[in-house]
Amino acid sequence: MTPTLANLFELPSPLPAVEETEILAVGKGVRIERILSTGQTTPVGEWYDQEEDEWVTLLQGEAELRFAEGETYHLKSGDHLLIPAHCRHRVEYTSENPPCVWIAVHGRLQSSP
């Protein structure tokens, strides 16, 4: 297998009207994605309830995640968090300018001590 070079900040032009998810790599029990958000949020009344843990980092932009237990996190560039499987959450806000560039890692994950 040969190396593949790409740039996380190369964005489509024009920016998409819907959130765009690109799978960057997959492996045994793990999936790495780049997510591009341009103002999209989770539809009213819907929650993410995922089978796998998700580690997410916001490389660019600002976003707000709300959890069913009542916690809300305002993320800015460089922030990251580990969301355990079945921890219900939703996206309440994503910036349009600059657009949000996320990296999400899905799998059986755990925080380092």
PDB file of N, CA and C in Angstrom:
ATOM      1  N   MET A   1       0.851  -1.176   0.000  1.00  0.00           N
ATOM      2  CA  MET A   1       0.000   0.000   0.000  1.00  0.00           C
ATOM      3  C   MET A   1       0.898   1.241   0.000  1.00  0.00           C
ATOM      4  N   THR A   2       0.513   2.256  -0.770  1.00  0.00           N
ATOM      5  CA  THR A   2       1.293   3.484  -0.842  1.00  0.00           C
ATOM      6  C   THR A   2       0.631   4.571  -0.009  1.00  0.00           C
ATOM      7  N   PRO A   3       1.403   5.511   0.513  1.00  0.00           N
ATOM      8  CA  PRO A   3       0.837   6.610   1.298  1.00  0.00           C
ATOM      9  C   PRO A   3      -0.130   7.441   0.456  1.00  0.00           C
ATOM     10  N   THR A   4      -1.125   8.026   1.127  1.00  0.00           N
ATOM     11  CA  THR A   4      -2.091   8.902   0.472  1.00  0.00           C
ATOM     12  C   THR A   4      -2.021  10.263   1.139  1.00  0.00           C
ATOM     13  N   LEU A   5      -1.720  11.291   0.358  1.00  0.00           N
ATOM     14  CA  LEU A   5      -1.612  12.646   0.877  1.00  0.00           C
ATOM     15  C   LEU A   5      -2.890  13.419   0.574  1.00  0.00           C
ATOM     16  N   ALA A   6      -3.418  14.090   1.589  1.00  0.00           N
ATOM     17  CA  ALA A   6      -4.587  14.949   1.416  1.00  0.00           C
ATOM     18  C   ALA A   6      -4.489  16.057   2.461  1.00  0.00           C
ATOM     19  N   ASN A   7      -5.306  17.100   2.298  1.00  0.00           N
ATOM     20  CA  ASN A   7      -5.290  18.227   3.230  1.00  0.00           C
ATOM     21  C   ASN A   7      -6.674  18.386   3.834  1.00  0.00           C
ATOM     22  N   LEU A   8      -6.758  18.355   5.164  1.00  0.00           N
ATOM     23  CA  LEU A   8      -8.041  18.452   5.865  1.00  0.00           C
ATOM     24  C   LEU A   8      -8.734  19.788   5.645  1.00  0.00           C
ATOM     25  N   PHE A   9      -7.967  20.809   5.272  1.00  0.00           N
ATOM     26  CA  PHE A   9      -8.537  22.143   5.103  1.00  0.00           C
ATOM     27  C   PHE A   9      -8.867  22.474   3.641  1.00  0.00           C
ATOM     28  N   GLU A  10      -8.679  21.518   2.730  1.00  0.00           N
ATOM     29  CA  GLU A  10      -9.134  21.710   1.349  1.00  0.00           C
ATOM     30  C   GLU A  10     -10.638  21.486   1.331  1.00  0.00           C
ATOM     31  N   LEU A  11     -11.378  22.560   1.138  1.00  0.00           N
ATOM     32  CA  LEU A  11     -12.834  22.495   1.210  1.00  0.00           C
ATOM     33  C   LEU A  11     -13.440  22.642  -0.172  1.00  0.00           C
ATOM     34  N   PRO A  12     -14.586  21.998  -0.393  1.00  0.00           N
ATOM     35  CA  PRO A  12     -15.233  22.131  -1.699  1.00  0.00           C
ATOM     36  C   PRO A  12     -15.718  23.561  -1.918  1.00  0.00           C
ATOM     37  N   SER A  13     -15.775  23.952  -3.194  1.00  0.00           N
ATOM     38  CA  SER A  13     -16.286  25.272  -3.536  1.00  0.00           C
ATOM     39  C   SER A  13     -17.310  25.100  -4.650  1.00  0.00           C
ATOM     40  N   PRO A  14     -18.526  25.512  -4.429  1.00  0.00           N
ATOM     41  CA  PRO A  14     -19.027  26.163  -3.222  1.00  0.00           C
ATOM     42  C   PRO A  14     -19.170  25.155  -2.077  1.00  0.00           C
ATOM     43  N   LEU A  15     -19.294  25.688  -0.851  1.00  0.00           N
ATOM     44  CA  LEU A  15     -19.494  24.828   0.310  1.00  0.00           C
ATOM     45  C   LEU A  15     -20.832  24.115   0.191  1.00  0.00           C
ATOM     46  N   PRO A  16     -20.929  22.886   0.672  1.00  0.00           N
ATOM     47  CA  PRO A  16     -22.173  22.137   0.540  1.00  0.00           C
ATOM     48  C   PRO A  16     -23.295  22.725   1.393  1.00  0.00           C
ATOM     49  N   ALA A  17     -24.532  22.540   0.942  1.00  0.00           N
ATOM     50  CA  ALA A  17     -25.710  23.016   1.681  1.00  0.00           C
ATOM     51  C   ALA A  17     -26.095  22.044   2.783  1.00  0.00           C
ATOM     52  N   VAL A  18     -25.561  20.829   2.730  1.00  0.00           N
ATOM     53  CA  VAL A  18     -25.816  19.819   3.758  1.00  0.00           C
ATOM     54  C   VAL A  18     -24.489  19.404   4.377  1.00  0.00           C
ATOM     55  N   GLU A  19     -24.556  18.899   5.598  1.00  0.00           N
ATOM     56  CA  GLU A  19     -23.338  18.434   6.254  1.00  0.00           C
ATOM     57  C   GLU A  19     -22.715  17.314   5.426  1.00  0.00           C
ATOM     58  N   GLU A  20     -21.409  17.355   5.305  1.00  0.00           N
ATOM     59  CA  GLU A  20     -20.694  16.383   4.473  1.00  0.00           C
ATOM     60  C   GLU A  20     -19.748  15.568   5.354  1.00  0.00           C
ATOM     61  N   THR A  21     -19.840  14.232   5.234  1.00  0.00           N
ATOM     62  CA  THR A  21     -18.962  13.331   5.980  1.00  0.00           C
ATOM     63  C   THR A  21     -18.131  12.528   4.995  1.00  0.00           C
ATOM     64  N   GLU A  22     -16.831  12.528   5.222  1.00  0.00           N
ATOM     65  CA  GLU A  22     -15.894  11.805   4.361  1.00  0.00           C
ATOM     66  C   GLU A  22     -15.124  10.813   5.225  1.00  0.00           C
ATOM     67  N   ILE A  23     -15.169   9.551   4.871  1.00  0.00           N
ATOM     68  CA  ILE A  23     -14.401   8.542   5.603  1.00  0.00           C
ATOM     69  C   ILE A  23     -12.947   8.622   5.151  1.00  0.00           C
ATOM     70  N   LEU A  24     -12.057   8.875   6.104  1.00  0.00           N
ATOM     71  CA  LEU A  24     -10.635   9.021   5.803  1.00  0.00           C
ATOM     72  C   LEU A  24      -9.882   7.702   5.916  1.00  0.00           C
ATOM     73  N   ALA A  25     -10.285   6.876   6.881  1.00  0.00           N
ATOM     74  CA  ALA A  25      -9.611   5.597   7.091  1.00  0.00           C
ATOM     75  C   ALA A  25     -10.512   4.679   7.914  1.00  0.00           C
ATOM     76  N   VAL A  26     -10.382   3.397   7.675  1.00  0.00           N
ATOM     77  CA  VAL A  26     -11.092   2.396   8.468  1.00  0.00           C
ATOM     78  C   VAL A  26     -10.097   1.313   8.850  1.00  0.00           C
ATOM     79  N   GLY A  27     -10.354   0.672   9.953  1.00  0.00           N
ATOM     80  CA  GLY A  27      -9.492  -0.405  10.413  1.00  0.00           C
ATOM     81  C   GLY A  27     -10.298  -1.353  11.266  1.00  0.00           C
ATOM     82  N   LYS A  28      -9.624  -2.246  11.897  1.00  0.00           N
ATOM     83  CA  LYS A  28     -10.285  -3.233  12.732  1.00  0.00           C
ATOM     84  C   LYS A  28     -10.991  -2.521  13.891  1.00  0.00           C
ATOM     85  N   GLY A  29     -12.295  -2.340  13.766  1.00  0.00           N
ATOM     86  CA  GLY A  29     -13.076  -1.738  14.836  1.00  0.00           C
ATOM     87  C   GLY A  29     -12.942  -0.236  14.977  1.00  0.00           C
ATOM     88  N   VAL A  30     -12.385   0.461  13.981  1.00  0.00           N
ATOM     89  CA  VAL A  30     -12.232   1.911  14.075  1.00  0.00           C
ATOM     90  C   VAL A  30     -12.534   2.553  12.716  1.00  0.00           C
ATOM     91  N   ARG A  31     -13.112   3.746  12.768  1.00  0.00           N
ATOM     92  CA  ARG A  31     -13.411   4.521  11.568  1.00  0.00           C
ATOM     93  C   ARG A  31     -13.058   5.980  11.846  1.00  0.00           C
ATOM     94  N   ILE A  32     -12.338   6.618  10.929  1.00  0.00           N
ATOM     95  CA  ILE A  32     -11.939   8.018  11.071  1.00  0.00           C
ATOM     96  C   ILE A  32     -12.613   8.813   9.962  1.00  0.00           C
ATOM     97  N   GLU A  33     -13.289   9.910  10.347  1.00  0.00           N
ATOM     98  CA  GLU A  33     -14.044  10.713   9.397  1.00  0.00           C
ATOM     99  C   GLU A  33     -13.644  12.183   9.487  1.00  0.00           C
ATOM    100  N   ARG A  34     -13.777  12.871   8.368  1.00  0.00           N
ATOM    101  CA  ARG A  34     -13.757  14.331   8.366  1.00  0.00           C
ATOM    102  C   ARG A  34     -15.199  14.756   8.132  1.00  0.00           C
ATOM    103  N   ILE A  35     -15.688  15.660   8.980  1.00  0.00           N
ATOM    104  CA  ILE A  35     -17.049  16.171   8.853  1.00  0.00           C
ATOM    105  C   ILE A  35     -16.947  17.665   8.591  1.00  0.00           C
ATOM    106  N   LEU A  36     -17.698  18.122   7.609  1.00  0.00           N
ATOM    107  CA  LEU A  36     -17.743  19.536   7.254  1.00  0.00           C
ATOM    108  C   LEU A  36     -19.160  20.029   7.502  1.00  0.00           C
ATOM    109  N   SER A  37     -19.304  20.981   8.434  1.00  0.00           N
ATOM    110  CA  SER A  37     -20.605  21.561   8.771  1.00  0.00           C
ATOM    111  C   SER A  37     -20.590  23.034   8.422  1.00  0.00           C
ATOM    112  N   THR A  38     -21.692  23.484   7.848  1.00  0.00           N
ATOM    113  CA  THR A  38     -21.796  24.893   7.446  1.00  0.00           C
ATOM    114  C   THR A  38     -23.118  25.468   7.948  1.00  0.00           C
ATOM    115  N   GLY A  39     -23.318  25.358   9.267  1.00  0.00           N
ATOM    116  CA  GLY A  39     -24.541  25.884   9.871  1.00  0.00           C
ATOM    117  C   GLY A  39     -25.573  24.813  10.182  1.00  0.00           C
ATOM    118  N   GLN A  40     -25.317  23.566   9.837  1.00  0.00           N
ATOM    119  CA  GLN A  40     -26.294  22.508  10.084  1.00  0.00           C
ATOM    120  C   GLN A  40     -26.371  22.144  11.569  1.00  0.00           C
ATOM    121  N   THR A  41     -27.534  21.691  11.980  1.00  0.00           N
ATOM    122  CA  THR A  41     -27.765  21.211  13.341  1.00  0.00           C
ATOM    123  C   THR A  41     -28.558  19.914  13.259  1.00  0.00           C
ATOM    124  N   THR A  42     -28.647  19.224  14.390  1.00  0.00           N
ATOM    125  CA  THR A  42     -29.467  18.022  14.457  1.00  0.00           C
ATOM    126  C   THR A  42     -30.931  18.446  14.390  1.00  0.00           C
ATOM    127  N   PRO A  43     -31.744  17.779  13.578  1.00  0.00           N
ATOM    128  CA  PRO A  43     -33.168  18.148  13.498  1.00  0.00           C
ATOM    129  C   PRO A  43     -33.841  18.133  14.876  1.00  0.00           C
ATOM    130  N   VAL A  44     -34.776  19.051  15.067  1.00  0.00           N
ATOM    131  CA  VAL A  44     -35.500  19.186  16.336  1.00  0.00           C
ATOM    132  C   VAL A  44     -36.101  17.835  16.733  1.00  0.00           C
ATOM    133  N   GLY A  45     -35.907  17.476  18.000  1.00  0.00           N
ATOM    134  CA  GLY A  45     -36.468  16.236  18.534  1.00  0.00           C
ATOM    135  C   GLY A  45     -35.630  14.997  18.290  1.00  0.00           C
ATOM    136  N   GLU A  46     -34.564  15.103  17.508  1.00  0.00           N
ATOM    137  CA  GLU A  46     -33.707  13.945  17.225  1.00  0.00           C
ATOM    138  C   GLU A  46     -32.438  13.994  18.072  1.00  0.00           C
ATOM    139  N   TRP A  47     -31.924  12.806  18.398  1.00  0.00           N
ATOM    140  CA  TRP A  47     -30.701  12.661  19.179  1.00  0.00           C
ATOM    141  C   TRP A  47     -29.825  11.607  18.526  1.00  0.00           C
ATOM    142  N   TYR A  48     -28.513  11.805  18.592  1.00  0.00           N
ATOM    143  CA  TYR A  48     -27.585  10.748  18.213  1.00  0.00           C
ATOM    144  C   TYR A  48     -27.497   9.780  19.393  1.00  0.00           C
ATOM    145  N   ASP A  49     -27.604   8.498  19.109  1.00  0.00           N
ATOM    146  CA  ASP A  49     -27.472   7.440  20.112  1.00  0.00           C
ATOM    147  C   ASP A  49     -26.671   6.332  19.440  1.00  0.00           C
ATOM    148  N   GLN A  50     -25.364   6.447  19.514  1.00  0.00           N
ATOM    149  CA  GLN A  50     -24.465   5.628  18.716  1.00  0.00           C
ATOM    150  C   GLN A  50     -24.030   4.360  19.424  1.00  0.00           C
ATOM    151  N   GLU A  51     -23.808   3.324  18.633  1.00  0.00           N
ATOM    152  CA  GLU A  51     -23.370   2.025  19.146  1.00  0.00           C
ATOM    153  C   GLU A  51     -21.913   2.044  19.607  1.00  0.00           C
ATOM    154  N   GLU A  52     -21.119   2.968  19.055  1.00  0.00           N
ATOM    155  CA  GLU A  52     -19.692   3.035  19.346  1.00  0.00           C
ATOM    156  C   GLU A  52     -19.359   4.322  20.079  1.00  0.00           C
ATOM    157  N   ASP A  53     -18.216   4.331  20.761  1.00  0.00           N
ATOM    158  CA  ASP A  53     -17.683   5.563  21.321  1.00  0.00           C
ATOM    159  C   ASP A  53     -17.270   6.461  20.156  1.00  0.00           C
ATOM    160  N   GLU A  54     -17.267   7.763  20.398  1.00  0.00           N
ATOM    161  CA  GLU A  54     -16.820   8.711  19.376  1.00  0.00           C
ATOM    162  C   GLU A  54     -15.920   9.755  20.019  1.00  0.00           C
ATOM    163  N   TRP A  55     -14.701   9.863  19.500  1.00  0.00           N
ATOM    164  CA  TRP A  55     -13.817  10.961  19.879  1.00  0.00           C
ATOM    165  C   TRP A  55     -13.915  11.969  18.758  1.00  0.00           C
ATOM    166  N   VAL A  56     -14.209  13.210  19.114  1.00  0.00           N
ATOM    167  CA  VAL A  56     -14.387  14.240  18.103  1.00  0.00           C
ATOM    168  C   VAL A  56     -13.544  15.457  18.472  1.00  0.00           C
ATOM    169  N   THR A  57     -12.923  16.061  17.454  1.00  0.00           N
ATOM    170  CA  THR A  57     -12.193  17.300  17.651  1.00  0.00           C
ATOM    171  C   THR A  57     -12.638  18.297  16.591  1.00  0.00           C
ATOM    172  N   LEU A  58     -12.718  19.540  16.988  1.00  0.00           N
ATOM    173  CA  LEU A  58     -13.090  20.611  16.076  1.00  0.00           C
ATOM    174  C   LEU A  58     -11.811  21.332  15.655  1.00  0.00           C
ATOM    175  N   LEU A  59     -11.444  21.188  14.392  1.00  0.00           N
ATOM    176  CA  LEU A  59     -10.213  21.804  13.894  1.00  0.00           C
ATOM    177  C   LEU A  59     -10.414  23.270  13.534  1.00  0.00           C
ATOM    178  N   GLN A  60     -11.622  23.607  13.081  1.00  0.00           N
ATOM    179  CA  GLN A  60     -11.916  24.971  12.622  1.00  0.00           C
ATOM    180  C   GLN A  60     -13.379  25.265  12.913  1.00  0.00           C
ATOM    181  N   GLY A  61     -13.670  26.514  13.260  1.00  0.00           N
ATOM    182  CA  GLY A  61     -15.045  26.939  13.484  1.00  0.00           C
ATOM    183  C   GLY A  61     -15.446  26.869  14.944  1.00  0.00           C
ATOM    184  N   GLU A  62     -16.751  26.982  15.178  1.00  0.00           N
ATOM    185  CA  GLU A  62     -17.328  26.876  16.514  1.00  0.00           C
ATOM    186  C   GLU A  62     -18.580  26.020  16.434  1.00  0.00           C
ATOM    187  N   ALA A  63     -18.863  25.316  17.519  1.00  0.00           N
ATOM    188  CA  ALA A  63     -20.029  24.435  17.555  1.00  0.00           C
ATOM    189  C   ALA A  63     -20.516  24.292  18.982  1.00  0.00           C
ATOM    190  N   GLU A  64     -21.747  23.824  19.103  1.00  0.00           N
ATOM    191  CA  GLU A  64     -22.322  23.574  20.424  1.00  0.00           C
ATOM    192  C   GLU A  64     -22.992  22.208  20.401  1.00  0.00           C
ATOM    193  N   LEU A  65     -22.613  21.359  21.365  1.00  0.00           N
ATOM    194  CA  LEU A  65     -23.202  20.031  21.526  1.00  0.00           C
ATOM    195  C   LEU A  65     -23.990  20.005  22.823  1.00  0.00           C
ATOM    196  N   ARG A  66     -25.190  19.439  22.762  1.00  0.00           N
ATOM    197  CA  ARG A  66     -26.021  19.300  23.956  1.00  0.00           C
ATOM    198  C   ARG A  66     -26.255  17.817  24.205  1.00  0.00           C
ATOM    199  N   PHE A  67     -26.197  17.434  25.472  1.00  0.00           N
ATOM    200  CA  PHE A  67     -26.382  16.044  25.863  1.00  0.00           C
ATOM    201  C   PHE A  67     -27.711  15.889  26.584  1.00  0.00           C
ATOM    202  N   ALA A  68     -28.316  14.710  26.446  1.00  0.00           N
ATOM    203  CA  ALA A  68     -29.646  14.456  27.007  1.00  0.00           C
ATOM    204  C   ALA A  68     -29.668  14.666  28.522  1.00  0.00           C
ATOM    205  N   GLU A  69     -28.536  14.474  29.186  1.00  0.00           N
ATOM    206  CA  GLU A  69     -28.464  14.669  30.636  1.00  0.00           C
ATOM    207  C   GLU A  69     -28.461  16.149  31.012  1.00  0.00           C
ATOM    208  N   GLY A  70     -28.425  17.045  30.005  1.00  0.00           N
ATOM    209  CA  GLY A  70     -28.520  18.471  30.282  1.00  0.00           C
ATOM    210  C   GLY A  70     -27.257  19.276  30.072  1.00  0.00           C
ATOM    211  N   GLU A  71     -26.107  18.620  29.912  1.00  0.00           N
ATOM    212  CA  GLU A  71     -24.858  19.367  29.719  1.00  0.00           C
ATOM    213  C   GLU A  71     -24.789  19.920  28.301  1.00  0.00           C
ATOM    214  N   THR A  72     -24.220  21.117  28.181  1.00  0.00           N
ATOM    215  CA  THR A  72     -23.986  21.731  26.885  1.00  0.00           C
ATOM    216  C   THR A  72     -22.518  22.129  26.819  1.00  0.00           C
ATOM    217  N   TYR A  73     -21.874  21.822  25.692  1.00  0.00           N
ATOM    218  CA  TYR A  73     -20.472  22.158  25.489  1.00  0.00           C
ATOM    219  C   TYR A  73     -20.358  23.073  24.283  1.00  0.00           C
ATOM    220  N   HIS A  74     -19.703  24.221  24.471  1.00  0.00           N
ATOM    221  CA  HIS A  74     -19.406  25.118  23.362  1.00  0.00           C
ATOM    222  C   HIS A  74     -17.972  24.816  22.938  1.00  0.00           C
ATOM    223  N   LEU A  75     -17.803  24.352  21.717  1.00  0.00           N
ATOM    224  CA  LEU A  75     -16.485  23.983  21.213  1.00  0.00           C
ATOM    225  C   LEU A  75     -15.951  25.055  20.281  1.00  0.00           C
ATOM    226  N   LYS A  76     -14.652  25.292  20.396  1.00  0.00           N
ATOM    227  CA  LYS A  76     -13.944  26.184  19.479  1.00  0.00           C
ATOM    228  C   LYS A  76     -12.760  25.403  18.918  1.00  0.00           C
ATOM    229  N   SER A  77     -12.097  25.971  17.958  1.00  0.00           N
ATOM    230  CA  SER A  77     -10.983  25.280  17.295  1.00  0.00           C
ATOM    231  C   SER A  77     -10.014  24.698  18.319  1.00  0.00           C
ATOM    232  N   GLY A  78      -9.707  23.420  18.141  1.00  0.00           N
ATOM    233  CA  GLY A  78      -8.765  22.737  19.025  1.00  0.00           C
ATOM    234  C   GLY A  78      -9.418  21.943  20.134  1.00  0.00           C
ATOM    235  N   ASP A  79     -10.694  22.207  20.439  1.00  0.00           N
ATOM    236  CA  ASP A  79     -11.371  21.452  21.495  1.00  0.00           C
ATOM    237  C   ASP A  79     -11.690  20.038  21.014  1.00  0.00           C
ATOM    238  N   HIS A  80     -11.666  19.098  21.951  1.00  0.00           N
ATOM    239  CA  HIS A  80     -12.043  17.721  21.618  1.00  0.00           C
ATOM    240  C   HIS A  80     -12.740  17.093  22.806  1.00  0.00           C
ATOM    241  N   LEU A  81     -13.536  16.067  22.515  1.00  0.00           N
ATOM    242  CA  LEU A  81     -14.174  15.344  23.593  1.00  0.00           C
ATOM    243  C   LEU A  81     -14.480  13.929  23.197  1.00  0.00           C
ATOM    244  N   LEU A  82     -14.543  13.053  24.192  1.00  0.00           N
ATOM    245  CA  LEU A  82     -14.856  11.642  23.994  1.00  0.00           C
ATOM    246  C   LEU A  82     -16.298  11.425  24.416  1.00  0.00           C
ATOM    247  N   ILE A  83     -17.106  10.951  23.488  1.00  0.00           N
ATOM    248  CA  ILE A  83     -18.528  10.704  23.739  1.00  0.00           C
ATOM    249  C   ILE A  83     -18.718   9.194  23.838  1.00  0.00           C
ATOM    250  N   PRO A  84     -19.063   8.691  25.029  1.00  0.00           N
ATOM    251  CA  PRO A  84     -19.264   7.251  25.181  1.00  0.00           C
ATOM    252  C   PRO A  84     -20.443   6.749  24.344  1.00  0.00           C
ATOM    253  N   ALA A  85     -20.389   5.489  23.973  1.00  0.00           N
ATOM    254  CA  ALA A  85     -21.497   4.861  23.248  1.00  0.00           C
ATOM    255  C   ALA A  85     -22.795   5.076  24.031  1.00  0.00           C
ATOM    256  N   HIS A  86     -23.861   5.292  23.314  1.00  0.00           N
ATOM    257  CA  HIS A  86     -25.214   5.473  23.858  1.00  0.00           C
ATOM    258  C   HIS A  86     -25.360   6.699  24.752  1.00  0.00           C
ATOM    259  N   CYS A  87     -24.433   7.631  24.676  1.00  0.00           N
ATOM    260  CA  CYS A  87     -24.565   8.908  25.375  1.00  0.00           C
ATOM    261  C   CYS A  87     -25.299   9.833  24.407  1.00  0.00           C
ATOM    262  N   ARG A  88     -26.593   9.978  24.615  1.00  0.00           N
ATOM    263  CA  ARG A  88     -27.429  10.727  23.663  1.00  0.00           C
ATOM    264  C   ARG A  88     -27.018  12.198  23.614  1.00  0.00           C
ATOM    265  N   HIS A  89     -26.834  12.681  22.371  1.00  0.00           N
ATOM    266  CA  HIS A  89     -26.396  14.059  22.181  1.00  0.00           C
ATOM    267  C   HIS A  89     -26.919  14.589  20.853  1.00  0.00           C
ATOM    268  N   ARG A  90     -26.841  15.893  20.703  1.00  0.00           N
ATOM    269  CA  ARG A  90     -27.269  16.546  19.471  1.00  0.00           C
ATOM    270  C   ARG A  90     -26.412  17.769  19.212  1.00  0.00           C
ATOM    271  N   VAL A  91     -26.344  18.175  17.950  1.00  0.00           N
ATOM    272  CA  VAL A  91     -25.609  19.371  17.559  1.00  0.00           C
ATOM    273  C   VAL A  91     -26.596  20.525  17.546  1.00  0.00           C
ATOM    274  N   GLU A  92     -26.354  21.519  18.391  1.00  0.00           N
ATOM    275  CA  GLU A  92     -27.247  22.665  18.519  1.00  0.00           C
ATOM    276  C   GLU A  92     -26.837  23.832  17.631  1.00  0.00           C
ATOM    277  N   TYR A  93     -25.536  23.897  17.289  1.00  0.00           N
ATOM    278  CA  TYR A  93     -25.028  25.034  16.506  1.00  0.00           C
ATOM    279  C   TYR A  93     -23.734  24.641  15.822  1.00  0.00           C
ATOM    280  N   THR A  94     -23.571  25.073  14.573  1.00  0.00           N
ATOM    281  CA  THR A  94     -22.265  25.028  13.896  1.00  0.00           C
ATOM    282  C   THR A  94     -22.094  26.340  13.135  1.00  0.00           C
ATOM    283  N   SER A  95     -20.890  26.876  13.165  1.00  0.00           N
ATOM    284  CA  SER A  95     -20.633  28.138  12.466  1.00  0.00           C
ATOM    285  C   SER A  95     -20.625  27.916  10.955  1.00  0.00           C
ATOM    286  N   GLU A  96     -21.011  28.972  10.253  1.00  0.00           N
ATOM    287  CA  GLU A  96     -20.984  28.930   8.789  1.00  0.00           C
ATOM    288  C   GLU A  96     -19.707  29.551   8.242  1.00  0.00           C
ATOM    289  N   ASN A  97     -19.216  30.583   8.930  1.00  0.00           N
ATOM    290  CA  ASN A  97     -18.026  31.286   8.468  1.00  0.00           C
ATOM    291  C   ASN A  97     -17.135  31.605   9.659  1.00  0.00           C
ATOM    292  N   PRO A  98     -16.091  30.855   9.906  1.00  0.00           N
ATOM    293  CA  PRO A  98     -15.633  29.782   9.049  1.00  0.00           C
ATOM    294  C   PRO A  98     -16.478  28.521   9.247  1.00  0.00           C
ATOM    295  N   PRO A  99     -16.532  27.662   8.233  1.00  0.00           N
ATOM    296  CA  PRO A  99     -17.248  26.395   8.395  1.00  0.00           C
ATOM    297  C   PRO A  99     -16.539  25.517   9.422  1.00  0.00           C
ATOM    298  N   CYS A 100     -17.275  24.605   9.994  1.00  0.00           N
ATOM    299  CA  CYS A 100     -16.694  23.671  10.964  1.00  0.00           C
ATOM    300  C   CYS A 100     -16.019  22.520  10.226  1.00  0.00           C
ATOM    301  N   VAL A 101     -14.787  22.259  10.603  1.00  0.00           N
ATOM    302  CA  VAL A 101     -14.060  21.091  10.120  1.00  0.00           C
ATOM    303  C   VAL A 101     -13.792  20.230  11.346  1.00  0.00           C
ATOM    304  N   TRP A 102     -14.391  19.055  11.359  1.00  0.00           N
ATOM    305  CA  TRP A 102     -14.293  18.112  12.474  1.00  0.00           C
ATOM    306  C   TRP A 102     -13.483  16.885  12.048  1.00  0.00           C
ATOM    307  N   ILE A 103     -12.864  16.236  13.020  1.00  0.00           N
ATOM    308  CA  ILE A 103     -12.352  14.882  12.855  1.00  0.00           C
ATOM    309  C   ILE A 103     -13.073  14.043  13.900  1.00  0.00           C
ATOM    310  N   ALA A 104     -13.662  12.938  13.452  1.00  0.00           N
ATOM    311  CA  ALA A 104     -14.363  12.032  14.354  1.00  0.00           C
ATOM    312  C   ALA A 104     -13.744  10.646  14.226  1.00  0.00           C
ATOM    313  N   VAL A 105     -13.481  10.029  15.367  1.00  0.00           N
ATOM    314  CA  VAL A 105     -12.951   8.669  15.414  1.00  0.00           C
ATOM    315  C   VAL A 105     -13.988   7.827  16.145  1.00  0.00           C
ATOM    316  N   HIS A 106     -14.468   6.770  15.485  1.00  0.00           N
ATOM    317  CA  HIS A 106     -15.489   5.897  16.046  1.00  0.00           C
ATOM    318  C   HIS A 106     -14.874   4.520  16.328  1.00  0.00           C
ATOM    319  N   GLY A 107     -15.219   3.952  17.471  1.00  0.00           N
ATOM    320  CA  GLY A 107     -14.724   2.612  17.809  1.00  0.00           C
ATOM    321  C   GLY A 107     -14.905   2.355  19.292  1.00  0.00           C
ATOM    322  N   ARG A 108     -14.233   1.331  19.782  1.00  0.00           N
ATOM    323  CA  ARG A 108     -14.211   1.048  21.219  1.00  0.00           C
ATOM    324  C   ARG A 108     -13.031   1.826  21.785  1.00  0.00           C
ATOM    325  N   LEU A 109     -13.320   2.993  22.331  1.00  0.00           N
ATOM    326  CA  LEU A 109     -12.279   3.937  22.750  1.00  0.00           C
ATOM    327  C   LEU A 109     -12.339   4.154  24.245  1.00  0.00           C
ATOM    328  N   GLN A 110     -11.250   4.670  24.801  1.00  0.00           N
ATOM    329  CA  GLN A 110     -11.243   5.084  26.203  1.00  0.00           C
ATOM    330  C   GLN A 110     -10.277   6.234  26.379  1.00  0.00           C
ATOM    331  N   SER A 111     -10.564   7.066  27.355  1.00  0.00           N
ATOM    332  CA  SER A 111      -9.695   8.199  27.648  1.00  0.00           C
ATOM    333  C   SER A 111      -8.381   7.713  28.212  1.00  0.00           C
ATOM    334  N   SER A 112      -7.326   8.456  27.920  1.00  0.00           N
ATOM    335  CA  SER A 112      -6.044   8.134  28.533  1.00  0.00           C
ATOM    336  C   SER A 112      -6.047   8.707  29.947  1.00  0.00           C
ATOM    337  N   PRO A 113      -5.333   8.070  30.868  1.00  0.00           N
ATOM    338  CA  PRO A 113      -5.343   8.541  32.280  1.00  0.00           C
ATOM    339  C   PRO A 113      -4.734   9.899  32.470  1.00  0.00           C
TER     340      PRO A 113
END
